[in-house]
Amino acid sequence: MIQRIQSIFLFLAALVSGVFINLFDLWRQGVEWMQADDYVGIYALFIASGVLSLVSIFFFKNRKRQMTINVINIFLNIVLVGLLVYRLLNLPGDGLESEKGIGIFLPLVSMLLIWLANRSIIKDEKLVKSADRFR
């Protein structure tokens, strides 16, 4: 059912990955703030993570597939964090002042929300198995 707590967690993860990335900056280089849409690959990974979270909501009848999609999404966010850290470490900062934005932490928030959703899915699976035992 869509009104379960894991659906809320997955919706929040989709909101963080798909919408908030357009609102928050990744980092500042000189006087110019860099956003995710300045880098096509990073932006595509953020959007893919948001879409996977939304798709996972509608697999509520198949909990194992929902958990598999969530694990793929967590792996995608790990790759995204790796790319962001790599990009941050290679910023040209010779005479320019660079500053990190809150957008760097959005994949971590998304991973936390997806992990919480997976935990709730596991609880549901145990509940269904215990109810099947009594029949």
C-alpha atoms as a PDB file:
ATOM      1  CA  MET A   1       0.000   0.000   0.000  1.00  0.00           C
ATOM      2  CA  ILE A   2       1.180   3.462  -0.783  1.00  0.00           C
ATOM      3  CA  GLN A   3       0.443   4.894   2.679  1.00  0.00           C
ATOM      4  CA  ARG A   4       3.193   2.858   4.376  1.00  0.00           C
ATOM      5  CA  ILE A   5       6.111   4.576   6.102  1.00  0.00           C
ATOM      6  CA  GLN A   6       8.628   3.310   3.540  1.00  0.00           C
ATOM      7  CA  SER A   7       6.661   5.067   0.833  1.00  0.00           C
ATOM      8  CA  ILE A   8       7.084   8.315   2.743  1.00  0.00           C
ATOM      9  CA  PHE A   9      10.828   7.686   3.100  1.00  0.00           C
ATOM     10  CA  LEU A  10      11.130   6.892  -0.616  1.00  0.00           C
ATOM     11  CA  PHE A  11       9.109   9.964  -1.567  1.00  0.00           C
ATOM     12  CA  LEU A  12      11.382  12.136   0.588  1.00  0.00           C
ATOM     13  CA  ALA A  13      14.439  10.516  -1.045  1.00  0.00           C
ATOM     14  CA  ALA A  14      12.983  11.311  -4.481  1.00  0.00           C
ATOM     15  CA  LEU A  15      12.319  14.865  -3.341  1.00  0.00           C
ATOM     16  CA  VAL A  16      15.892  15.263  -2.095  1.00  0.00           C
ATOM     17  CA  SER A  17      17.445  13.789  -5.241  1.00  0.00           C
ATOM     18  CA  GLY A  18      15.119  15.239  -7.850  1.00  0.00           C
ATOM     19  CA  VAL A  19      13.953  18.604  -6.528  1.00  0.00           C
ATOM     20  CA  PHE A  20      16.306  19.852  -3.819  1.00  0.00           C
ATOM     21  CA  ILE A  21      19.334  19.479  -6.085  1.00  0.00           C
ATOM     22  CA  ASN A  22      17.893  22.285  -8.207  1.00  0.00           C
ATOM     23  CA  LEU A  23      17.528  24.516  -5.140  1.00  0.00           C
ATOM     24  CA  PHE A  24      20.880  24.050  -3.410  1.00  0.00           C
ATOM     25  CA  ASP A  25      24.374  24.737  -4.713  1.00  0.00           C
ATOM     26  CA  LEU A  26      27.155  22.170  -4.800  1.00  0.00           C
ATOM     27  CA  TRP A  27      30.132  24.474  -4.317  1.00  0.00           C
ATOM     28  CA  ARG A  28      31.446  27.943  -5.046  1.00  0.00           C
ATOM     29  CA  GLN A  29      34.423  28.570  -7.258  1.00  0.00           C
ATOM     30  CA  GLY A  30      35.532  32.175  -7.140  1.00  0.00           C
ATOM     31  CA  VAL A  31      32.394  34.267  -7.259  1.00  0.00           C
ATOM     32  CA  GLU A  32      30.344  31.721  -9.228  1.00  0.00           C
ATOM     33  CA  TRP A  33      28.193  29.093  -7.515  1.00  0.00           C
ATOM     34  CA  MET A  34      28.142  25.688  -9.204  1.00  0.00           C
ATOM     35  CA  GLN A  35      24.907  23.748  -9.340  1.00  0.00           C
ATOM     36  CA  ALA A  36      24.303  20.139 -10.357  1.00  0.00           C
ATOM     37  CA  ASP A  37      22.875  21.117 -13.737  1.00  0.00           C
ATOM     38  CA  ASP A  38      26.267  22.640 -14.624  1.00  0.00           C
ATOM     39  CA  TYR A  39      27.606  19.059 -14.808  1.00  0.00           C
ATOM     40  CA  VAL A  40      25.498  16.793 -17.011  1.00  0.00           C
ATOM     41  CA  GLY A  41      26.747  13.482 -15.578  1.00  0.00           C
ATOM     42  CA  ILE A  42      26.228  14.488 -11.960  1.00  0.00           C
ATOM     43  CA  TYR A  43      22.810  15.949 -12.746  1.00  0.00           C
ATOM     44  CA  ALA A  44      21.790  12.763 -14.596  1.00  0.00           C
ATOM     45  CA  LEU A  45      22.777  10.644 -11.593  1.00  0.00           C
ATOM     46  CA  PHE A  46      20.739  12.856  -9.250  1.00  0.00           C
ATOM     47  CA  ILE A  47      17.688  12.605 -11.525  1.00  0.00           C
ATOM     48  CA  ALA A  48      18.150   8.825 -11.939  1.00  0.00           C
ATOM     49  CA  SER A  49      18.247   8.448  -8.156  1.00  0.00           C
ATOM     50  CA  GLY A  50      15.028  10.436  -7.809  1.00  0.00           C
ATOM     51  CA  VAL A  51      13.288   8.423 -10.523  1.00  0.00           C
ATOM     52  CA  LEU A  52      14.407   5.110  -8.974  1.00  0.00           C
ATOM     53  CA  SER A  53      12.994   6.221  -5.626  1.00  0.00           C
ATOM     54  CA  LEU A  54       9.652   7.074  -7.228  1.00  0.00           C
ATOM     55  CA  VAL A  55       9.556   3.814  -9.195  1.00  0.00           C
ATOM     56  CA  SER A  56      10.332   1.853  -6.046  1.00  0.00           C
ATOM     57  CA  ILE A  57       7.249   3.256  -4.317  1.00  0.00           C
ATOM     58  CA  PHE A  58       4.970   1.503  -6.798  1.00  0.00           C
ATOM     59  CA  PHE A  59       6.537  -1.925  -6.259  1.00  0.00           C
ATOM     60  CA  PHE A  60       4.821  -2.206  -2.871  1.00  0.00           C
ATOM     61  CA  LYS A  61       3.309  -5.597  -3.798  1.00  0.00           C
ATOM     62  CA  ASN A  62       6.728  -7.082  -4.584  1.00  0.00           C
ATOM     63  CA  ARG A  63       8.840  -6.231  -1.554  1.00  0.00           C
ATOM     64  CA  LYS A  64      11.925  -8.140  -2.697  1.00  0.00           C
ATOM     65  CA  ARG A  65      12.028  -6.210  -5.976  1.00  0.00           C
ATOM     66  CA  GLN A  66      11.457  -2.976  -4.077  1.00  0.00           C
ATOM     67  CA  MET A  67      14.442  -3.728  -1.852  1.00  0.00           C
ATOM     68  CA  THR A  68      16.566  -4.609  -4.903  1.00  0.00           C
ATOM     69  CA  ILE A  69      15.716  -1.295  -6.546  1.00  0.00           C
ATOM     70  CA  ASN A  70      16.595   0.481  -3.302  1.00  0.00           C
ATOM     71  CA  VAL A  71      19.974  -1.265  -3.093  1.00  0.00           C
ATOM     72  CA  ILE A  72      20.695  -0.208  -6.694  1.00  0.00           C
ATOM     73  CA  ASN A  73      19.686   3.322  -5.735  1.00  0.00           C
ATOM     74  CA  ILE A  74      22.024   3.304  -2.729  1.00  0.00           C
ATOM     75  CA  PHE A  75      24.856   2.111  -4.979  1.00  0.00           C
ATOM     76  CA  LEU A  76      24.014   4.912  -7.437  1.00  0.00           C
ATOM     77  CA  ASN A  77      24.212   7.433  -4.599  1.00  0.00           C
ATOM     78  CA  ILE A  78      27.576   6.006  -3.493  1.00  0.00           C
ATOM     79  CA  VAL A  79      28.873   6.545  -7.040  1.00  0.00           C
ATOM     80  CA  LEU A  80      27.434  10.056  -6.930  1.00  0.00           C
ATOM     81  CA  VAL A  81      29.190  10.833  -3.649  1.00  0.00           C
ATOM     82  CA  GLY A  82      32.433   9.501  -5.137  1.00  0.00           C
ATOM     83  CA  LEU A  83      32.078  11.726  -8.209  1.00  0.00           C
ATOM     84  CA  LEU A  84      31.286  14.769  -6.086  1.00  0.00           C
ATOM     85  CA  VAL A  85      34.267  14.167  -3.801  1.00  0.00           C
ATOM     86  CA  TYR A  86      36.531  13.609  -6.811  1.00  0.00           C
ATOM     87  CA  ARG A  87      35.260  16.804  -8.420  1.00  0.00           C
ATOM     88  CA  LEU A  88      35.693  18.726  -5.162  1.00  0.00           C
ATOM     89  CA  LEU A  89      39.267  17.548  -4.683  1.00  0.00           C
ATOM     90  CA  ASN A  90      40.140  18.587  -8.231  1.00  0.00           C
ATOM     91  CA  LEU A  91      38.724  22.101  -8.034  1.00  0.00           C
ATOM     92  CA  PRO A  92      41.152  24.641  -9.347  1.00  0.00           C
ATOM     93  CA  GLY A  93      41.708  26.863  -6.344  1.00  0.00           C
ATOM     94  CA  ASP A  94      44.975  28.628  -7.123  1.00  0.00           C
ATOM     95  CA  GLY A  95      43.952  32.142  -6.281  1.00  0.00           C
ATOM     96  CA  LEU A  96      40.253  31.546  -6.058  1.00  0.00           C
ATOM     97  CA  GLU A  97      38.331  31.078  -2.888  1.00  0.00           C
ATOM     98  CA  SER A  98      36.276  27.888  -2.978  1.00  0.00           C
ATOM     99  CA  GLU A  99      33.461  26.958  -0.642  1.00  0.00           C
ATOM    100  CA  LYS A 100      31.334  23.850  -0.357  1.00  0.00           C
ATOM    101  CA  GLY A 101      27.567  24.077  -0.599  1.00  0.00           C
ATOM    102  CA  ILE A 102      24.915  21.952   1.052  1.00  0.00           C
ATOM    103  CA  GLY A 103      24.265  20.118  -2.220  1.00  0.00           C
ATOM    104  CA  ILE A 104      27.256  17.892  -1.527  1.00  0.00           C
ATOM    105  CA  PHE A 105      25.378  16.245   1.366  1.00  0.00           C
ATOM    106  CA  LEU A 106      22.131  15.551  -0.527  1.00  0.00           C
ATOM    107  CA  PRO A 107      23.188  12.056  -1.716  1.00  0.00           C
ATOM    108  CA  LEU A 108      24.006  11.139   1.892  1.00  0.00           C
ATOM    109  CA  VAL A 109      20.549  12.272   3.019  1.00  0.00           C
ATOM    110  CA  SER A 110      19.012  10.289   0.163  1.00  0.00           C
ATOM    111  CA  MET A 111      20.982   7.160   1.139  1.00  0.00           C
ATOM    112  CA  LEU A 112      19.819   7.509   4.747  1.00  0.00           C
ATOM    113  CA  LEU A 113      16.172   7.793   3.680  1.00  0.00           C
ATOM    114  CA  ILE A 114      16.454   4.786   1.357  1.00  0.00           C
ATOM    115  CA  TRP A 115      18.126   2.760   4.123  1.00  0.00           C
ATOM    116  CA  LEU A 116      15.255   3.650   6.491  1.00  0.00           C
ATOM    117  CA  ALA A 117      12.780   2.565   3.801  1.00  0.00           C
ATOM    118  CA  ASN A 118      14.596  -0.763   3.391  1.00  0.00           C
ATOM    119  CA  ARG A 119      14.476  -1.308   7.135  1.00  0.00           C
ATOM    120  CA  SER A 120      10.714  -0.747   7.095  1.00  0.00           C
ATOM    121  CA  ILE A 121      10.309  -3.105   4.129  1.00  0.00           C
ATOM    122  CA  ILE A 122      12.188  -5.818   6.042  1.00  0.00           C
ATOM    123  CA  LYS A 123       9.860  -5.298   9.019  1.00  0.00           C
ATOM    124  CA  ASP A 124       6.825  -5.657   6.719  1.00  0.00           C
ATOM    125  CA  GLU A 125       8.277  -8.818   5.199  1.00  0.00           C
ATOM    126  CA  LYS A 126       8.767 -10.340   8.662  1.00  0.00           C
ATOM    127  CA  LEU A 127       5.217  -9.369   9.629  1.00  0.00           C
ATOM    128  CA  VAL A 128       3.763 -11.027   6.526  1.00  0.00           C
ATOM    129  CA  LYS A 129       5.827 -14.182   7.084  1.00  0.00           C
ATOM    130  CA  SER A 130       4.710 -14.409  10.705  1.00  0.00           C
ATOM    131  CA  ALA A 131       1.067 -13.962   9.669  1.00  0.00           C
ATOM    132  CA  ASP A 132       1.452 -16.701   7.048  1.00  0.00           C
ATOM    133  CA  ARG A 133       2.766 -19.044   9.723  1.00  0.00           C
ATOM    134  CA  PHE A 134      -0.492 -18.807  11.675  1.00  0.00           C
ATOM    135  CA  ARG A 135      -2.701 -19.793   8.725  1.00  0.00           C
END
